[in-house]
Amino acid sequence: MLRTALCDLLGIHHPVVQAGMGIYRGLVTTPELVAAVSNAGGMGCLGGSGLTAEELRTAIRRVRELTARPFGVDLIIPAKLSTREGTRAEIRADIQRNHPDHFAFVEALYEKHGVPRRPIDLDLTWTPALTDAQARVVLEEQVEVGCGTTIDRPSVGETRIGAGTKIDNLVQIGHGVVTGRGCALAAQVGIAGGARLGNGVILAGQVGVANRTTIGDRAIASSKSGLHGDIAAGEVVSGYPAIPNRLWLRCSAAFSKLPELARSVRQLKAANLILPEDRRLYASIGIGYGAVLNIDDEDLFGDEMNLACKLGEDIAARSEILLTEAARATLTLKTVETRPEQLSISGLALNYHMVL
């Protein structure tokens, strides 16, 4: 069986796309034909040109009654549109009335060359109002957009919302974003320009997605996660910056013990007051937050791991606990007070936080 990248892109079995033919002499691509092509594994396409918004809506819903497979809607959206409202017959009469010389010139050409006058089969004009109404119908079919949501239109290309996607209130979708089918975007999600979401992606409340990030099919991001890099298909991530959910849960459990750690350090300082100098113990601690590479449960590697080691080994003074920026951003405990600090190392600014 022939299968190409187009099949994966459109969710079809065969790389066959039916041409969506608009109204011509009273004929239009029927919903029955469109559904038959889609049911056979191709991509049926409904010709929407010449249909009013309500006619287009009726046709789309009829196709959906006949097939659960993907199908397309073919619209004509010229680069330049007439601003004159009304039917073609009305516009032709307007030209004859207001520009008689031009009208007479065209009529003379008909007579001179024996060109028969073609009857008006489609008495509609493509105006901004018509194309906007048609586009809204296509967006409305099985796509829900909540109140206060903004979907930006790019100057080049398109912003595309996949069929069946549900968008909650107060969501910001940047220019050029493409979502797959059946995605769910909760309230206050923000997606920067150029991001790509696969099918069935779930973004919980207040998730932020950086520009040009790619999120695989069926991936899930929990509330307030910050996605700065690509997310693999089926992965569940949490936190800021986002890391695998199970790792985030372990980190959250560790952060809950931070007050206890700070108390132990203070107790250690108090004990040192009564100990001889040669028996005193001190703790200098650096804490980071982020993904790490774990080899044989012995060797750990990663940016946050390196930064935490730098803070604990080289920067923290006796009995100090220092947090990286990522660790501080994840810390939600109100019982822990911190103070921002900055250090320059070889001309590079290192920002961190000291636990008070």
Protein backbone atom coordinates (compact mmCIF):
# COMPACT_ATOMS: atom_id res chain seq x y z
CA MET A 1 0.00 0.00 0.00
CA LEU A 2 1.39 3.40 -0.98
CA ARG A 3 1.93 5.65 2.03
CA THR A 4 3.74 8.98 2.15
CA ALA A 5 4.45 11.75 4.65
CA LEU A 6 1.23 13.38 3.48
CA CYS A 7 -0.72 10.50 5.03
CA ASP A 8 0.84 11.12 8.45
CA LEU A 9 0.32 14.86 8.14
CA LEU A 10 -3.38 14.59 7.28
CA GLY A 11 -4.21 11.41 9.19
CA ILE A 12 -5.29 9.47 6.08
CA HIS A 13 -4.45 6.02 4.73
CA HIS A 14 -3.80 6.81 1.04
CA PRO A 15 -2.11 9.89 -0.48
CA VAL A 16 -5.25 10.79 -2.43
CA VAL A 17 -6.77 14.26 -2.07
CA GLN A 18 -10.07 14.96 -3.79
CA ALA A 19 -10.38 18.38 -5.45
CA GLY A 20 -13.00 20.52 -3.74
CA MET A 21 -15.03 22.06 -6.59
CA GLY A 22 -17.20 25.08 -5.84
CA ILE A 23 -20.48 26.04 -7.48
CA TYR A 24 -20.44 26.02 -11.29
CA ARG A 25 -23.68 26.09 -13.22
CA GLY A 26 -25.59 24.93 -10.19
CA LEU A 27 -23.24 22.05 -9.32
CA VAL A 28 -21.10 21.65 -6.19
CA THR A 29 -19.01 18.87 -4.66
CA THR A 30 -21.59 16.99 -2.64
CA PRO A 31 -21.13 16.02 1.02
CA GLU A 32 -21.83 12.41 -0.01
CA LEU A 33 -18.88 12.42 -2.41
CA VAL A 34 -16.58 14.05 0.14
CA ALA A 35 -17.52 11.50 2.82
CA ALA A 36 -17.07 8.58 0.41
CA VAL A 37 -13.51 9.65 -0.42
CA SER A 38 -12.62 10.09 3.27
CA ASN A 39 -14.19 6.76 4.23
CA ALA A 40 -12.13 5.08 1.52
CA GLY A 41 -8.93 6.33 3.19
CA GLY A 42 -8.28 9.48 1.15
CA MET A 43 -8.86 13.13 1.95
CA GLY A 44 -12.30 14.27 0.86
CA CYS A 45 -12.60 17.99 0.22
CA LEU A 46 -15.74 20.11 0.26
CA GLY A 47 -15.86 22.95 -2.27
CA GLY A 48 -16.84 26.00 -0.21
CA SER A 49 -16.52 28.73 -2.82
CA GLY A 50 -19.85 30.27 -3.66
CA LEU A 51 -21.59 28.96 -0.56
CA THR A 52 -22.97 31.33 1.99
CA ALA A 53 -21.78 30.89 5.55
CA GLU A 54 -24.96 29.04 6.52
CA GLU A 55 -24.83 26.80 3.42
CA LEU A 56 -21.21 25.97 4.22
CA ARG A 57 -22.09 25.16 7.81
CA THR A 58 -24.88 22.83 6.69
CA ALA A 59 -22.60 21.06 4.20
CA ILE A 60 -19.80 20.56 6.76
CA ARG A 61 -22.20 19.11 9.29
CA ARG A 62 -23.65 16.79 6.66
CA VAL A 63 -20.18 15.48 5.82
CA ARG A 64 -19.48 14.94 9.52
CA GLU A 65 -22.69 12.91 9.80
CA LEU A 66 -21.44 10.61 7.05
CA THR A 67 -17.80 10.15 8.15
CA ALA A 68 -15.57 10.37 11.19
CA ARG A 69 -12.48 10.52 8.97
CA PRO A 70 -10.57 13.76 8.18
CA PHE A 71 -11.83 15.95 5.36
CA GLY A 72 -11.00 19.41 4.07
CA VAL A 73 -12.87 22.55 3.11
CA ASP A 74 -11.69 24.45 0.02
CA LEU A 75 -12.18 28.23 0.26
CA ILE A 76 -11.16 31.03 -2.08
CA ILE A 77 -9.49 33.92 -0.26
CA PRO A 78 -7.92 36.25 -2.87
CA ALA A 79 -5.03 38.54 -1.97
CA LYS A 80 -7.23 41.53 -2.89
CA LEU A 81 -10.97 41.65 -2.33
CA SER A 82 -13.76 43.90 -3.49
CA THR A 83 -15.11 46.25 -0.86
CA ARG A 84 -18.37 46.60 -2.80
CA GLU A 85 -21.23 44.69 -1.18
CA GLY A 86 -24.06 43.13 -3.18
CA THR A 87 -24.63 40.50 -5.86
CA ARG A 88 -22.88 40.38 -9.22
CA ALA A 89 -26.05 41.48 -10.96
CA GLU A 90 -26.29 44.52 -8.70
CA ILE A 91 -22.63 45.39 -9.26
CA ARG A 92 -23.03 45.03 -13.05
CA ALA A 93 -26.04 47.37 -12.98
CA ASP A 94 -24.03 49.78 -10.86
CA ILE A 95 -21.22 49.81 -13.45
CA GLN A 96 -23.71 50.43 -16.26
CA ARG A 97 -25.27 53.32 -14.34
CA ASN A 98 -22.13 55.05 -13.03
CA HIS A 99 -19.61 54.13 -15.76
CA PRO A 100 -21.66 53.97 -18.99
CA ASP A 101 -18.66 54.48 -21.30
CA HIS A 102 -16.80 51.51 -19.83
CA PHE A 103 -19.91 49.36 -19.93
CA ALA A 104 -20.59 50.31 -23.57
CA PHE A 105 -16.99 49.48 -24.53
CA VAL A 106 -17.31 45.94 -23.16
CA GLU A 107 -20.71 45.47 -24.79
CA ALA A 108 -19.25 46.52 -28.16
CA LEU A 109 -16.55 43.84 -27.81
CA TYR A 110 -19.26 41.21 -27.28
CA GLU A 111 -21.02 42.33 -30.49
CA LYS A 112 -17.87 42.74 -32.59
CA HIS A 113 -16.44 39.30 -31.84
CA GLY A 114 -19.71 37.43 -31.51
CA VAL A 115 -19.02 36.37 -27.91
CA PRO A 116 -22.17 35.03 -26.24
CA ARG A 117 -23.03 36.56 -22.91
CA ARG A 118 -22.53 34.00 -20.15
CA PRO A 119 -25.38 33.79 -17.64
CA ILE A 120 -24.58 34.52 -14.01
CA ASP A 121 -24.46 31.15 -12.25
CA LEU A 122 -23.01 32.43 -9.00
CA ASP A 123 -24.61 35.65 -7.86
CA LEU A 124 -22.15 36.24 -5.01
CA THR A 125 -19.05 38.40 -4.79
CA TRP A 126 -15.97 37.58 -2.74
CA THR A 127 -15.83 40.35 -0.19
CA PRO A 128 -14.05 40.53 3.18
CA ALA A 129 -17.39 39.91 4.88
CA LEU A 130 -18.01 36.68 2.92
CA THR A 131 -14.53 35.23 3.35
CA ASP A 132 -14.45 36.10 7.06
CA ALA A 133 -17.83 34.42 7.56
CA GLN A 134 -16.68 31.28 5.71
CA ALA A 135 -13.42 31.12 7.69
CA ARG A 136 -15.30 31.45 10.98
CA VAL A 137 -17.51 28.52 10.02
CA VAL A 138 -14.49 26.31 9.33
CA LEU A 139 -12.94 27.29 12.68
CA GLU A 140 -16.19 26.69 14.53
CA GLU A 141 -16.60 23.10 13.38
CA GLN A 142 -15.65 21.07 16.46
CA VAL A 143 -13.21 23.74 17.69
CA GLU A 144 -14.15 25.58 20.88
CA VAL A 145 -12.56 28.93 21.75
CA GLY A 146 -13.23 30.43 25.20
CA CYS A 147 -13.79 34.04 26.22
CA GLY A 148 -10.84 36.42 26.10
CA THR A 149 -8.72 34.05 24.03
CA THR A 150 -6.43 35.58 21.39
CA ILE A 151 -5.28 33.70 18.29
CA ASP A 152 -2.71 35.77 16.39
CA ARG A 153 -2.61 35.88 12.60
CA PRO A 154 0.93 35.85 11.16
CA SER A 155 2.06 38.13 8.34
CA VAL A 156 3.41 35.05 6.56
CA GLY A 157 1.96 31.55 6.73
CA GLU A 158 -0.92 30.62 8.99
CA THR A 159 -1.99 29.91 12.54
CA ARG A 160 -3.89 26.62 12.51
CA ILE A 161 -6.08 25.07 15.20
CA GLY A 162 -6.65 21.33 14.72
CA ALA A 163 -10.12 19.81 14.54
CA GLY A 164 -11.76 19.02 17.85
CA THR A 165 -9.38 21.20 19.86
CA LYS A 166 -10.86 22.77 22.99
CA ILE A 167 -9.46 26.14 24.08
CA ASP A 168 -10.40 27.55 27.48
CA ASN A 169 -10.76 31.21 28.49
CA LEU A 170 -7.89 33.73 28.45
CA VAL A 171 -5.52 31.68 26.27
CA GLN A 172 -2.87 33.40 24.14
CA ILE A 173 -1.86 31.62 20.92
CA GLY A 174 0.98 33.32 19.07
CA HIS A 175 1.44 33.83 15.35
CA GLY A 176 2.22 30.76 13.29
CA VAL A 177 1.28 28.24 15.99
CA VAL A 178 -0.06 24.92 14.70
CA THR A 179 -1.97 22.52 16.95
CA GLY A 180 -2.89 18.94 16.13
CA ARG A 181 -6.32 17.39 16.45
CA GLY A 182 -8.11 17.01 19.76
CA CYS A 183 -5.83 19.19 21.90
CA ALA A 184 -7.01 20.69 25.20
CA LEU A 185 -5.67 24.08 26.35
CA ALA A 186 -6.74 25.19 29.84
CA ALA A 187 -7.18 28.76 31.03
CA GLN A 188 -4.26 31.23 30.84
CA VAL A 189 -2.09 28.99 28.68
CA GLY A 190 0.38 31.02 26.65
CA ILE A 191 1.92 29.63 23.45
CA ALA A 192 4.63 31.67 21.77
CA GLY A 193 4.90 32.04 18.00
CA GLY A 194 5.91 29.13 15.81
CA ALA A 195 5.24 26.40 18.37
CA ARG A 196 3.97 23.04 17.13
CA LEU A 197 1.60 20.83 19.11
CA GLY A 198 0.90 17.23 18.12
CA ASN A 199 -2.44 15.45 18.36
CA GLY A 200 -4.11 15.11 21.75
CA VAL A 201 -1.74 17.43 23.62
CA ILE A 202 -3.01 18.62 27.03
CA LEU A 203 -1.73 21.87 28.56
CA ALA A 204 -3.07 22.55 32.06
CA GLY A 205 -3.72 26.02 33.48
CA GLN A 206 -1.05 28.73 33.11
CA VAL A 207 1.37 26.58 31.13
CA GLY A 208 3.85 28.62 29.11
CA VAL A 209 5.35 27.37 25.83
CA ALA A 210 8.44 29.05 24.37
CA ASN A 211 8.61 30.01 20.71
CA ARG A 212 9.26 27.26 18.15
CA THR A 213 8.87 24.52 20.77
CA THR A 214 7.63 21.18 19.43
CA ILE A 215 5.35 19.07 21.64
CA GLY A 216 4.74 15.46 20.62
CA ASP A 217 1.43 13.63 20.38
CA ARG A 218 -0.44 13.02 23.66
CA ALA A 219 2.11 14.91 25.76
CA ILE A 220 0.83 16.49 28.98
CA ALA A 221 2.10 19.54 30.87
CA SER A 222 0.80 20.11 34.41
CA SER A 223 -0.26 23.51 35.75
CA LYS A 224 2.23 26.41 35.64
CA SER A 225 4.86 24.40 33.77
CA GLY A 226 7.33 26.30 31.62
CA LEU A 227 8.21 24.50 28.38
CA HIS A 228 11.48 25.83 26.98
CA GLY A 229 12.49 22.80 24.92
CA ASP A 230 10.88 20.10 22.82
CA ILE A 231 8.69 17.54 24.60
CA ALA A 232 8.59 13.94 23.36
CA ALA A 233 5.35 12.19 22.44
CA GLY A 234 3.49 10.81 25.44
CA GLU A 235 5.71 12.53 27.99
CA VAL A 236 4.25 14.10 31.15
CA VAL A 237 6.17 17.14 32.41
CA SER A 238 5.88 19.55 35.34
CA GLY A 239 7.68 22.50 36.87
CA TYR A 240 9.59 25.52 35.67
CA PRO A 241 11.60 24.77 33.67
CA ALA A 242 9.59 21.68 32.82
CA ILE A 243 11.14 18.31 33.67
CA PRO A 244 9.66 14.78 33.72
CA ASN A 245 6.75 14.66 36.16
CA ARG A 246 8.19 11.88 38.33
CA LEU A 247 11.44 13.77 38.78
CA TRP A 248 9.48 16.93 39.61
CA LEU A 249 7.53 15.05 42.29
CA ARG A 250 10.78 13.89 43.90
CA CYS A 251 12.19 17.42 43.74
CA SER A 252 9.02 18.82 45.31
CA ALA A 253 9.33 16.31 48.14
CA ALA A 254 12.93 17.39 48.66
CA PHE A 255 11.99 21.08 48.67
CA SER A 256 9.43 20.42 51.40
CA LYS A 257 12.34 19.40 53.64
CA LEU A 258 14.23 22.64 53.04
CA PRO A 259 13.01 24.26 56.33
CA GLU A 260 14.23 21.16 58.20
CA LEU A 261 17.59 21.41 56.42
CA ALA A 262 17.91 25.09 57.34
CA ARG A 263 17.06 24.29 60.97
CA SER A 264 19.70 21.55 61.06
CA VAL A 265 22.31 23.99 59.78
CA ARG A 266 21.37 26.50 62.48
CA GLN A 267 21.61 23.77 65.13
CA LEU A 268 25.01 22.84 63.76
CA LYS A 269 26.15 26.45 64.08
CA ALA A 270 24.88 26.56 67.68
CA ALA A 271 26.68 23.32 68.53
CA ASN A 272 29.91 24.68 67.11
CA LEU A 273 29.85 27.48 69.66
CA ILE A 274 30.60 25.01 72.45
CA LEU A 275 32.94 22.74 70.52
CA PRO A 276 36.68 23.18 70.24
CA GLU A 277 37.89 24.65 66.95
CA ASP A 278 39.33 21.34 65.75
CA ARG A 279 36.00 19.51 66.27
CA ARG A 280 33.60 21.98 64.69
CA LEU A 281 31.49 20.96 61.69
CA TYR A 282 30.23 23.24 58.93
CA ALA A 283 27.84 22.70 56.01
CA SER A 284 27.99 24.68 52.76
CA ILE A 285 25.09 23.65 50.55
CA GLY A 286 24.13 24.39 46.94
CA ILE A 287 20.73 23.33 45.60
CA GLY A 288 19.65 23.27 41.93
CA TYR A 289 16.54 22.15 40.08
CA GLY A 290 16.39 20.57 36.64
CA ALA A 291 16.89 17.49 34.53
CA VAL A 292 20.01 15.41 35.18
CA LEU A 293 21.78 12.52 33.50
CA ASN A 294 22.05 9.66 35.98
CA ILE A 295 24.65 6.98 35.21
CA ASP A 296 24.52 3.81 37.35
CA ASP A 297 23.01 5.80 40.24
CA GLU A 298 26.51 7.12 40.93
CA ASP A 299 27.43 9.85 38.45
CA LEU A 300 25.11 12.81 37.84
CA PHE A 301 25.53 15.35 35.06
CA GLY A 302 23.59 18.42 33.96
CA ASP A 303 23.62 22.22 33.98
CA GLU A 304 21.74 22.51 37.27
CA MET A 305 23.90 19.81 38.85
CA ASN A 306 27.07 21.68 37.87
CA LEU A 307 25.68 25.00 39.07
CA ALA A 308 24.55 23.57 42.41
CA CYS A 309 27.99 22.04 42.96
CA LYS A 310 29.61 25.38 42.15
CA LEU A 311 27.40 27.14 44.69
CA GLY A 312 27.96 24.56 47.43
CA GLU A 313 31.66 23.89 46.95
CA ASP A 314 33.09 27.26 45.88
CA ILE A 315 30.68 30.07 46.73
CA ALA A 316 28.71 29.19 49.86
CA ALA A 317 30.34 30.31 53.08
CA ARG A 318 30.18 28.28 56.27
CA SER A 319 26.59 27.24 57.10
CA GLU A 320 25.11 28.91 54.00
CA ILE A 321 22.44 27.34 51.78
CA LEU A 322 22.40 28.74 48.24
CA LEU A 323 19.74 28.11 45.58
CA THR A 324 20.01 28.39 41.83
CA GLU A 325 17.49 30.59 39.98
CA ALA A 326 15.60 27.49 38.82
CA ALA A 327 15.44 26.08 42.35
CA ARG A 328 14.17 29.38 43.76
CA ALA A 329 11.51 29.69 41.03
CA THR A 330 10.17 26.25 41.95
CA LEU A 331 10.19 26.90 45.70
CA THR A 332 6.64 27.63 46.90
CA LEU A 333 7.15 27.29 50.67
CA LYS A 334 6.20 30.53 52.41
CA THR A 335 8.16 29.53 55.51
CA VAL A 336 11.51 29.89 53.70
CA GLU A 337 12.91 33.39 53.16
CA THR A 338 15.60 34.02 50.58
CA ARG A 339 17.68 36.95 49.37
CA PRO A 340 18.86 37.38 45.74
CA GLU A 341 22.61 37.53 45.22
CA GLN A 342 24.86 38.03 42.21
CA LEU A 343 28.47 37.13 41.55
CA SER A 344 30.69 37.74 38.52
CA ILE A 345 32.82 34.81 37.40
CA SER A 346 35.19 35.50 34.48
CA GLY A 347 32.94 38.35 33.43
CA LEU A 348 29.75 36.24 33.52
CA ALA A 349 27.00 37.17 35.98
CA LEU A 350 25.90 34.33 38.25
CA ASN A 351 22.53 34.91 39.90
CA TYR A 352 21.51 32.83 42.91
CA HIS A 353 19.56 33.07 46.17
CA MET A 354 20.66 32.71 49.79
CA VAL A 355 18.37 31.02 52.33
CA LEU A 356 18.02 33.31 55.33
